[in-house]
Amino acid sequence: MRKGDNRRRAILDAAENLFYAHGFESTSVQDIIDALGFSKGGFYHHFESKLALLEAICEDRAQQSFDLAEAAVDQCEGNAADKLNAFFQKASMLQAGSTDFISLLVRVAYRDDGALMRERMKQRQLSLTLPLMDKIVREGLTEGTFFTPFPAPMGELVLRLGMQLTDEIAFLLATDKPGEEALVIIFEKLKLYRHSVETLLFAPYGSIVIFHLSQMEAVCRGVLKEGQTAARC
């Protein structure tokens, strides 16, 4: 890794830790520079702003999630429905063990002025995952696990519906709704998305598993708890 790449990686890692510890709004560029002992010029050579830095962290996470999803699909020995489930379990930002990152994203990208950032995140995710989703859909059609008269746009449609679902879940987690009320709504939306994917692909009933509900409950409760803690600070 080149020196410039090492510096960029160091900035990303330090900023992510500071954002988690103190919050995005309460962390300044100077805080990040001080933590690393870099000059302002060294920081701005790599990132034009704190928001650009956060977007880079999100792109990094998206790449990591895609790499995990691609590996899970490649290692899956089942049919296309099994591979689609392996994809769903790894490709989403709503992963167990990522509560700090999800909380940060919810508080920044899902506020009123975060639309541009959300759109950039979606485009990045789509560019990464669409070829793999199309591959799974084609395999399902060939083996007879799936059926659709519209194979070409189906992968993108499934992904865009999933992005809309993620947006709705994140917006719920960003609101002041009581935790239990938010969880009930989120579970209903997950069931609707699962049913929609099965219907679009004519997949066997019950063959698609978007998330294990216990895993999703743990993630959502963790994000809601962190949001309540941040609100009191």
C-alpha atoms as a PDB file:
ATOM      1  CA  MET A   1       0.000   0.000   0.000  1.00  0.00           C
ATOM      2  CA  ARG A   2       1.389   3.407  -0.956  1.00  0.00           C
ATOM      3  CA  LYS A   3       2.068   6.141   1.600  1.00  0.00           C
ATOM      4  CA  GLY A   4      -0.883   8.204   0.347  1.00  0.00           C
ATOM      5  CA  ASP A   5      -3.171   5.182   0.636  1.00  0.00           C
ATOM      6  CA  ASN A   6      -1.923   4.543   4.173  1.00  0.00           C
ATOM      7  CA  ARG A   7      -2.680   8.140   5.160  1.00  0.00           C
ATOM      8  CA  ARG A   8      -6.156   7.968   3.621  1.00  0.00           C
ATOM      9  CA  ARG A   9      -6.854   4.714   5.461  1.00  0.00           C
ATOM     10  CA  ALA A  10      -5.607   6.219   8.722  1.00  0.00           C
ATOM     11  CA  ILE A  11      -7.940   9.208   8.311  1.00  0.00           C
ATOM     12  CA  LEU A  12     -10.906   6.939   7.614  1.00  0.00           C
ATOM     13  CA  ASP A  13     -10.222   4.732  10.636  1.00  0.00           C
ATOM     14  CA  ALA A  14      -9.591   7.623  13.019  1.00  0.00           C
ATOM     15  CA  ALA A  15     -12.648   9.552  11.857  1.00  0.00           C
ATOM     16  CA  GLU A  16     -14.912   6.518  12.152  1.00  0.00           C
ATOM     17  CA  ASN A  17     -13.784   5.914  15.733  1.00  0.00           C
ATOM     18  CA  LEU A  18     -14.269   9.583  16.660  1.00  0.00           C
ATOM     19  CA  PHE A  19     -17.703   9.704  15.023  1.00  0.00           C
ATOM     20  CA  TYR A  20     -18.749   6.674  17.060  1.00  0.00           C
ATOM     21  CA  ALA A  21     -17.324   8.039  20.296  1.00  0.00           C
ATOM     22  CA  HIS A  22     -18.483  11.650  20.060  1.00  0.00           C
ATOM     23  CA  GLY A  23     -21.019  11.825  17.218  1.00  0.00           C
ATOM     24  CA  PHE A  24     -20.644  13.199  13.711  1.00  0.00           C
ATOM     25  CA  GLU A  25     -21.753  16.730  14.550  1.00  0.00           C
ATOM     26  CA  SER A  26     -19.551  16.976  17.647  1.00  0.00           C
ATOM     27  CA  THR A  27     -16.416  15.811  15.839  1.00  0.00           C
ATOM     28  CA  SER A  28     -14.536  18.499  13.928  1.00  0.00           C
ATOM     29  CA  VAL A  29     -11.963  18.129  11.185  1.00  0.00           C
ATOM     30  CA  GLN A  30      -9.468  19.555  13.679  1.00  0.00           C
ATOM     31  CA  ASP A  31     -10.300  16.737  16.101  1.00  0.00           C
ATOM     32  CA  ILE A  32      -9.434  14.195  13.405  1.00  0.00           C
ATOM     33  CA  ILE A  33      -6.226  16.031  12.488  1.00  0.00           C
ATOM     34  CA  ASP A  34      -5.184  16.247  16.139  1.00  0.00           C
ATOM     35  CA  ALA A  35      -5.825  12.542  16.713  1.00  0.00           C
ATOM     36  CA  LEU A  36      -3.515  11.667  13.817  1.00  0.00           C
ATOM     37  CA  GLY A  37      -0.931  14.430  14.104  1.00  0.00           C
ATOM     38  CA  PHE A  38      -1.521  15.377  10.462  1.00  0.00           C
ATOM     39  CA  SER A  39      -1.517  18.846   8.960  1.00  0.00           C
ATOM     40  CA  LYS A  40      -4.669  20.417   7.550  1.00  0.00           C
ATOM     41  CA  GLY A  41      -3.119  20.116   4.112  1.00  0.00           C
ATOM     42  CA  GLY A  42      -2.602  16.399   4.686  1.00  0.00           C
ATOM     43  CA  PHE A  43      -6.276  15.991   5.519  1.00  0.00           C
ATOM     44  CA  TYR A  44      -7.681  18.111   2.700  1.00  0.00           C
ATOM     45  CA  HIS A  45      -5.425  16.413   0.166  1.00  0.00           C
ATOM     46  CA  HIS A  46      -7.616  13.341   0.630  1.00  0.00           C
ATOM     47  CA  PHE A  47     -11.025  14.730   1.648  1.00  0.00           C
ATOM     48  CA  GLU A  48     -12.611  18.065   0.846  1.00  0.00           C
ATOM     49  CA  SER A  49     -14.928  18.024   3.870  1.00  0.00           C
ATOM     50  CA  LYS A  50     -16.103  16.038   6.857  1.00  0.00           C
ATOM     51  CA  LEU A  51     -19.193  14.953   4.904  1.00  0.00           C
ATOM     52  CA  ALA A  52     -17.030  13.707   2.027  1.00  0.00           C
ATOM     53  CA  LEU A  53     -15.114  11.700   4.611  1.00  0.00           C
ATOM     54  CA  LEU A  54     -18.317  10.121   5.890  1.00  0.00           C
ATOM     55  CA  GLU A  55     -19.366   9.271   2.331  1.00  0.00           C
ATOM     56  CA  ALA A  56     -16.003   7.538   1.851  1.00  0.00           C
ATOM     57  CA  ILE A  57     -16.596   5.523   5.025  1.00  0.00           C
ATOM     58  CA  CYS A  58     -20.001   4.486   3.643  1.00  0.00           C
ATOM     59  CA  GLU A  59     -18.458   3.485   0.304  1.00  0.00           C
ATOM     60  CA  ASP A  60     -15.896   1.444   2.206  1.00  0.00           C
ATOM     61  CA  ARG A  61     -18.657  -0.327   4.122  1.00  0.00           C
ATOM     62  CA  ALA A  62     -20.613  -0.945   0.923  1.00  0.00           C
ATOM     63  CA  GLN A  63     -17.568  -2.573  -0.670  1.00  0.00           C
ATOM     64  CA  GLN A  64     -16.987  -4.742   2.397  1.00  0.00           C
ATOM     65  CA  SER A  65     -20.640  -5.856   2.420  1.00  0.00           C
ATOM     66  CA  PHE A  66     -20.521  -6.659  -1.282  1.00  0.00           C
ATOM     67  CA  ASP A  67     -17.318  -8.679  -0.907  1.00  0.00           C
ATOM     68  CA  LEU A  68     -18.956 -10.718   1.873  1.00  0.00           C
ATOM     69  CA  ALA A  69     -22.124 -11.202  -0.202  1.00  0.00           C
ATOM     70  CA  GLU A  70     -20.188 -12.280  -3.290  1.00  0.00           C
ATOM     71  CA  ALA A  71     -18.162 -14.774  -1.256  1.00  0.00           C
ATOM     72  CA  ALA A  72     -21.316 -16.158   0.409  1.00  0.00           C
ATOM     73  CA  VAL A  73     -23.028 -16.628  -2.963  1.00  0.00           C
ATOM     74  CA  ASP A  74     -19.948 -18.282  -4.485  1.00  0.00           C
ATOM     75  CA  GLN A  75     -19.691 -20.688  -1.548  1.00  0.00           C
ATOM     76  CA  CYS A  76     -23.406 -21.563  -1.548  1.00  0.00           C
ATOM     77  CA  GLU A  77     -24.029 -25.014  -3.004  1.00  0.00           C
ATOM     78  CA  GLY A  78     -27.820 -24.713  -3.060  1.00  0.00           C
ATOM     79  CA  ASN A  79     -30.218 -23.465  -5.701  1.00  0.00           C
ATOM     80  CA  ALA A  80     -30.784 -19.859  -6.770  1.00  0.00           C
ATOM     81  CA  ALA A  81     -33.183 -19.183  -3.882  1.00  0.00           C
ATOM     82  CA  ASP A  82     -30.488 -20.308  -1.429  1.00  0.00           C
ATOM     83  CA  LYS A  83     -27.975 -18.039  -3.162  1.00  0.00           C
ATOM     84  CA  LEU A  84     -30.400 -15.134  -3.057  1.00  0.00           C
ATOM     85  CA  ASN A  85     -30.824 -15.687   0.693  1.00  0.00           C
ATOM     86  CA  ALA A  86     -27.038 -15.764   1.119  1.00  0.00           C
ATOM     87  CA  PHE A  87     -26.887 -12.467  -0.753  1.00  0.00           C
ATOM     88  CA  PHE A  88     -29.544 -10.838   1.449  1.00  0.00           C
ATOM     89  CA  GLN A  89     -27.821 -11.976   4.635  1.00  0.00           C
ATOM     90  CA  LYS A  90     -24.568 -10.220   3.736  1.00  0.00           C
ATOM     91  CA  ALA A  91     -25.313  -7.337   1.351  1.00  0.00           C
ATOM     92  CA  SER A  92     -27.459  -5.092   3.538  1.00  0.00           C
ATOM     93  CA  MET A  93     -26.100  -2.329   5.764  1.00  0.00           C
ATOM     94  CA  LEU A  94     -28.392  -3.659   8.527  1.00  0.00           C
ATOM     95  CA  GLN A  95     -25.971  -6.249   9.822  1.00  0.00           C
ATOM     96  CA  ALA A  96     -25.411  -7.590  13.304  1.00  0.00           C
ATOM     97  CA  GLY A  97     -22.217  -6.158  14.744  1.00  0.00           C
ATOM     98  CA  SER A  98     -22.611  -2.890  12.811  1.00  0.00           C
ATOM     99  CA  THR A  99     -24.804  -1.024  15.276  1.00  0.00           C
ATOM    100  CA  ASP A 100     -22.346   1.868  15.664  1.00  0.00           C
ATOM    101  CA  PHE A 101     -22.135   2.387  11.906  1.00  0.00           C
ATOM    102  CA  ILE A 102     -25.890   2.057  11.381  1.00  0.00           C
ATOM    103  CA  SER A 103     -26.574   4.546  14.169  1.00  0.00           C
ATOM    104  CA  LEU A 104     -24.127   7.033  12.637  1.00  0.00           C
ATOM    105  CA  LEU A 105     -25.697   6.614   9.214  1.00  0.00           C
ATOM    106  CA  VAL A 106     -29.240   6.978  10.542  1.00  0.00           C
ATOM    107  CA  ARG A 107     -28.374  10.188  12.389  1.00  0.00           C
ATOM    108  CA  VAL A 108     -26.630  11.830   9.409  1.00  0.00           C
ATOM    109  CA  ALA A 109     -27.838  10.409   6.079  1.00  0.00           C
ATOM    110  CA  TYR A 110     -31.466  10.152   7.191  1.00  0.00           C
ATOM    111  CA  ARG A 111     -31.915  13.691   8.390  1.00  0.00           C
ATOM    112  CA  ASP A 112     -33.763  16.291   6.289  1.00  0.00           C
ATOM    113  CA  ASP A 113     -30.692  17.436   4.352  1.00  0.00           C
ATOM    114  CA  GLY A 114     -29.294  13.955   3.694  1.00  0.00           C
ATOM    115  CA  ALA A 115     -31.085  13.197   0.410  1.00  0.00           C
ATOM    116  CA  LEU A 116     -28.019  13.691  -1.805  1.00  0.00           C
ATOM    117  CA  MET A 117     -25.893  11.451   0.374  1.00  0.00           C
ATOM    118  CA  ARG A 118     -28.568   8.736   0.390  1.00  0.00           C
ATOM    119  CA  GLU A 119     -28.821   8.858  -3.407  1.00  0.00           C
ATOM    120  CA  ARG A 120     -25.057   8.544  -3.805  1.00  0.00           C
ATOM    121  CA  MET A 121     -25.061   5.579  -1.444  1.00  0.00           C
ATOM    122  CA  LYS A 122     -27.803   3.876  -3.453  1.00  0.00           C
ATOM    123  CA  GLN A 123     -26.028   4.394  -6.760  1.00  0.00           C
ATOM    124  CA  ARG A 124     -22.825   2.975  -5.320  1.00  0.00           C
ATOM    125  CA  GLN A 125     -24.644  -0.033  -3.893  1.00  0.00           C
ATOM    126  CA  LEU A 126     -26.495  -0.625  -7.156  1.00  0.00           C
ATOM    127  CA  SER A 127     -23.332  -0.493  -9.247  1.00  0.00           C
ATOM    128  CA  LEU A 128     -21.687  -3.046  -6.962  1.00  0.00           C
ATOM    129  CA  THR A 129     -24.528  -5.512  -6.477  1.00  0.00           C
ATOM    130  CA  LEU A 130     -26.551  -5.486  -9.708  1.00  0.00           C
ATOM    131  CA  PRO A 131     -24.250  -7.812 -11.706  1.00  0.00           C
ATOM    132  CA  LEU A 132     -24.355 -10.371  -8.893  1.00  0.00           C
ATOM    133  CA  MET A 133     -28.136 -10.087  -8.501  1.00  0.00           C
ATOM    134  CA  ASP A 134     -28.625 -10.490 -12.258  1.00  0.00           C
ATOM    135  CA  LYS A 135     -26.452 -13.606 -12.164  1.00  0.00           C
ATOM    136  CA  ILE A 136     -28.579 -15.142  -9.398  1.00  0.00           C
ATOM    137  CA  VAL A 137     -31.819 -14.338 -11.235  1.00  0.00           C
ATOM    138  CA  ARG A 138     -30.532 -15.847 -14.500  1.00  0.00           C
ATOM    139  CA  GLU A 139     -29.429 -18.988 -12.685  1.00  0.00           C
ATOM    140  CA  GLY A 140     -32.858 -19.291 -11.051  1.00  0.00           C
ATOM    141  CA  LEU A 141     -34.615 -18.981 -14.399  1.00  0.00           C
ATOM    142  CA  THR A 142     -32.350 -21.581 -15.990  1.00  0.00           C
ATOM    143  CA  GLU A 143     -32.865 -24.153 -13.230  1.00  0.00           C
ATOM    144  CA  GLY A 144     -36.588 -23.423 -12.865  1.00  0.00           C
ATOM    145  CA  THR A 145     -36.463 -22.062  -9.303  1.00  0.00           C
ATOM    146  CA  PHE A 146     -37.664 -18.659 -10.540  1.00  0.00           C
ATOM    147  CA  PHE A 147     -39.915 -17.582 -13.358  1.00  0.00           C
ATOM    148  CA  THR A 148     -40.540 -14.167 -14.851  1.00  0.00           C
ATOM    149  CA  PRO A 149     -41.417 -12.928 -18.350  1.00  0.00           C
ATOM    150  CA  PHE A 150     -39.269  -9.846 -17.616  1.00  0.00           C
ATOM    151  CA  PRO A 151     -35.827 -11.171 -16.663  1.00  0.00           C
ATOM    152  CA  ALA A 152     -33.758  -8.174 -17.789  1.00  0.00           C
ATOM    153  CA  PRO A 153     -35.031  -5.571 -15.287  1.00  0.00           C
ATOM    154  CA  MET A 154     -35.899  -7.993 -12.486  1.00  0.00           C
ATOM    155  CA  GLY A 155     -32.586  -7.852 -10.627  1.00  0.00           C
ATOM    156  CA  GLU A 156     -32.632  -4.075 -10.489  1.00  0.00           C
ATOM    157  CA  LEU A 157     -36.268  -4.031  -9.395  1.00  0.00           C
ATOM    158  CA  VAL A 158     -35.554  -6.397  -6.491  1.00  0.00           C
ATOM    159  CA  LEU A 159     -32.570  -4.295  -5.438  1.00  0.00           C
ATOM    160  CA  ARG A 160     -34.410  -0.976  -5.673  1.00  0.00           C
ATOM    161  CA  LEU A 161     -37.291  -2.334  -3.610  1.00  0.00           C
ATOM    162  CA  GLY A 162     -34.733  -3.440  -1.047  1.00  0.00           C
ATOM    163  CA  MET A 163     -33.176   0.035  -1.002  1.00  0.00           C
ATOM    164  CA  GLN A 164     -36.604   1.547  -0.442  1.00  0.00           C
ATOM    165  CA  LEU A 165     -37.146  -0.890   2.420  1.00  0.00           C
ATOM    166  CA  THR A 166     -33.798   0.097   3.947  1.00  0.00           C
ATOM    167  CA  ASP A 167     -34.751   3.777   3.658  1.00  0.00           C
ATOM    168  CA  GLU A 168     -38.077   3.198   5.399  1.00  0.00           C
ATOM    169  CA  ILE A 169     -36.455   1.207   8.209  1.00  0.00           C
ATOM    170  CA  ALA A 170     -33.747   3.829   8.679  1.00  0.00           C
ATOM    171  CA  PHE A 171     -36.291   6.657   8.756  1.00  0.00           C
ATOM    172  CA  LEU A 172     -38.249   4.766  11.410  1.00  0.00           C
ATOM    173  CA  LEU A 173     -35.093   4.315  13.475  1.00  0.00           C
ATOM    174  CA  ALA A 174     -34.349   8.024  13.087  1.00  0.00           C
ATOM    175  CA  THR A 175     -37.732   9.144  14.433  1.00  0.00           C
ATOM    176  CA  ASP A 176     -38.917   9.507  17.999  1.00  0.00           C
ATOM    177  CA  LYS A 177     -41.332   6.579  17.715  1.00  0.00           C
ATOM    178  CA  PRO A 178     -41.300   4.282  20.752  1.00  0.00           C
ATOM    179  CA  GLY A 179     -39.004   1.316  20.196  1.00  0.00           C
ATOM    180  CA  GLU A 180     -41.663  -1.389  20.252  1.00  0.00           C
ATOM    181  CA  GLU A 181     -43.926   0.496  17.854  1.00  0.00           C
ATOM    182  CA  ALA A 182     -41.046   0.960  15.417  1.00  0.00           C
ATOM    183  CA  LEU A 183     -40.131  -2.734  15.608  1.00  0.00           C
ATOM    184  CA  VAL A 184     -43.684  -3.858  14.789  1.00  0.00           C
ATOM    185  CA  ILE A 185     -43.747  -1.629  11.689  1.00  0.00           C
ATOM    186  CA  ILE A 186     -40.280  -2.788  10.605  1.00  0.00           C
ATOM    187  CA  PHE A 187     -41.223  -6.470  10.886  1.00  0.00           C
ATOM    188  CA  GLU A 188     -44.351  -5.899   8.808  1.00  0.00           C
ATOM    189  CA  LYS A 189     -42.308  -4.166   6.127  1.00  0.00           C
ATOM    190  CA  LEU A 190     -39.798  -7.024   6.081  1.00  0.00           C
ATOM    191  CA  LYS A 191     -42.607  -9.553   5.610  1.00  0.00           C
ATOM    192  CA  LEU A 192     -44.056  -7.461   2.778  1.00  0.00           C
ATOM    193  CA  TYR A 193     -40.691  -7.240   1.016  1.00  0.00           C
ATOM    194  CA  ARG A 194     -40.118 -10.987   1.335  1.00  0.00           C
ATOM    195  CA  HIS A 195     -43.561 -11.659  -0.114  1.00  0.00           C
ATOM    196  CA  SER A 196     -42.937  -9.147  -2.926  1.00  0.00           C
ATOM    197  CA  VAL A 197     -39.634 -10.772  -3.934  1.00  0.00           C
ATOM    198  CA  GLU A 198     -41.190 -14.239  -3.989  1.00  0.00           C
ATOM    199  CA  THR A 199     -44.102 -12.941  -6.059  1.00  0.00           C
ATOM    200  CA  LEU A 200     -41.912 -11.070  -8.545  1.00  0.00           C
ATOM    201  CA  LEU A 201     -39.699 -14.110  -9.106  1.00  0.00           C
ATOM    202  CA  PHE A 202     -42.481 -16.719  -8.801  1.00  0.00           C
ATOM    203  CA  ALA A 203     -40.216 -18.359  -6.218  1.00  0.00           C
ATOM    204  CA  PRO A 204     -41.611 -21.195  -4.065  1.00  0.00           C
ATOM    205  CA  TYR A 205     -43.583 -19.873  -1.087  1.00  0.00           C
ATOM    206  CA  GLY A 206     -41.377 -19.511   1.978  1.00  0.00           C
ATOM    207  CA  SER A 207     -38.149 -20.034   0.025  1.00  0.00           C
ATOM    208  CA  ILE A 208     -36.880 -16.450   0.403  1.00  0.00           C
ATOM    209  CA  VAL A 209     -35.462 -15.288   3.742  1.00  0.00           C
ATOM    210  CA  ILE A 210     -34.548 -11.606   3.737  1.00  0.00           C
ATOM    211  CA  PHE A 211     -33.422 -11.400   7.367  1.00  0.00           C
ATOM    212  CA  HIS A 212     -33.707 -13.584  10.421  1.00  0.00           C
ATOM    213  CA  LEU A 213     -36.115 -11.597  12.576  1.00  0.00           C
ATOM    214  CA  SER A 214     -34.127 -12.200  15.763  1.00  0.00           C
ATOM    215  CA  GLN A 215     -31.056 -10.701  14.090  1.00  0.00           C
ATOM    216  CA  MET A 216     -33.016  -7.711  12.797  1.00  0.00           C
ATOM    217  CA  GLU A 217     -34.587  -7.173  16.219  1.00  0.00           C
ATOM    218  CA  ALA A 218     -31.159  -7.089  17.871  1.00  0.00           C
ATOM    219  CA  VAL A 219     -29.856  -4.586  15.290  1.00  0.00           C
ATOM    220  CA  CYS A 220     -32.894  -2.311  15.575  1.00  0.00           C
ATOM    221  CA  ARG A 221     -32.941  -2.386  19.363  1.00  0.00           C
ATOM    222  CA  GLY A 222     -29.253  -1.513  19.406  1.00  0.00           C
ATOM    223  CA  VAL A 223     -29.751   1.438  17.042  1.00  0.00           C
ATOM    224  CA  LEU A 224     -32.801   2.680  18.952  1.00  0.00           C
ATOM    225  CA  LYS A 225     -30.894   2.466  22.236  1.00  0.00           C
ATOM    226  CA  GLU A 226     -27.953   4.420  20.823  1.00  0.00           C
ATOM    227  CA  GLY A 227     -30.306   7.010  19.378  1.00  0.00           C
ATOM    228  CA  GLN A 228     -31.934   7.524  22.777  1.00  0.00           C
ATOM    229  CA  THR A 229     -28.512   7.839  24.418  1.00  0.00           C
ATOM    230  CA  ALA A 230     -27.391  10.404  21.829  1.00  0.00           C
ATOM    231  CA  ALA A 231     -30.590  12.408  22.333  1.00  0.00           C
ATOM    232  CA  ARG A 232     -29.870  12.725  26.053  1.00  0.00           C
ATOM    233  CA  CYS A 233     -26.311  13.914  25.493  1.00  0.00           C
END
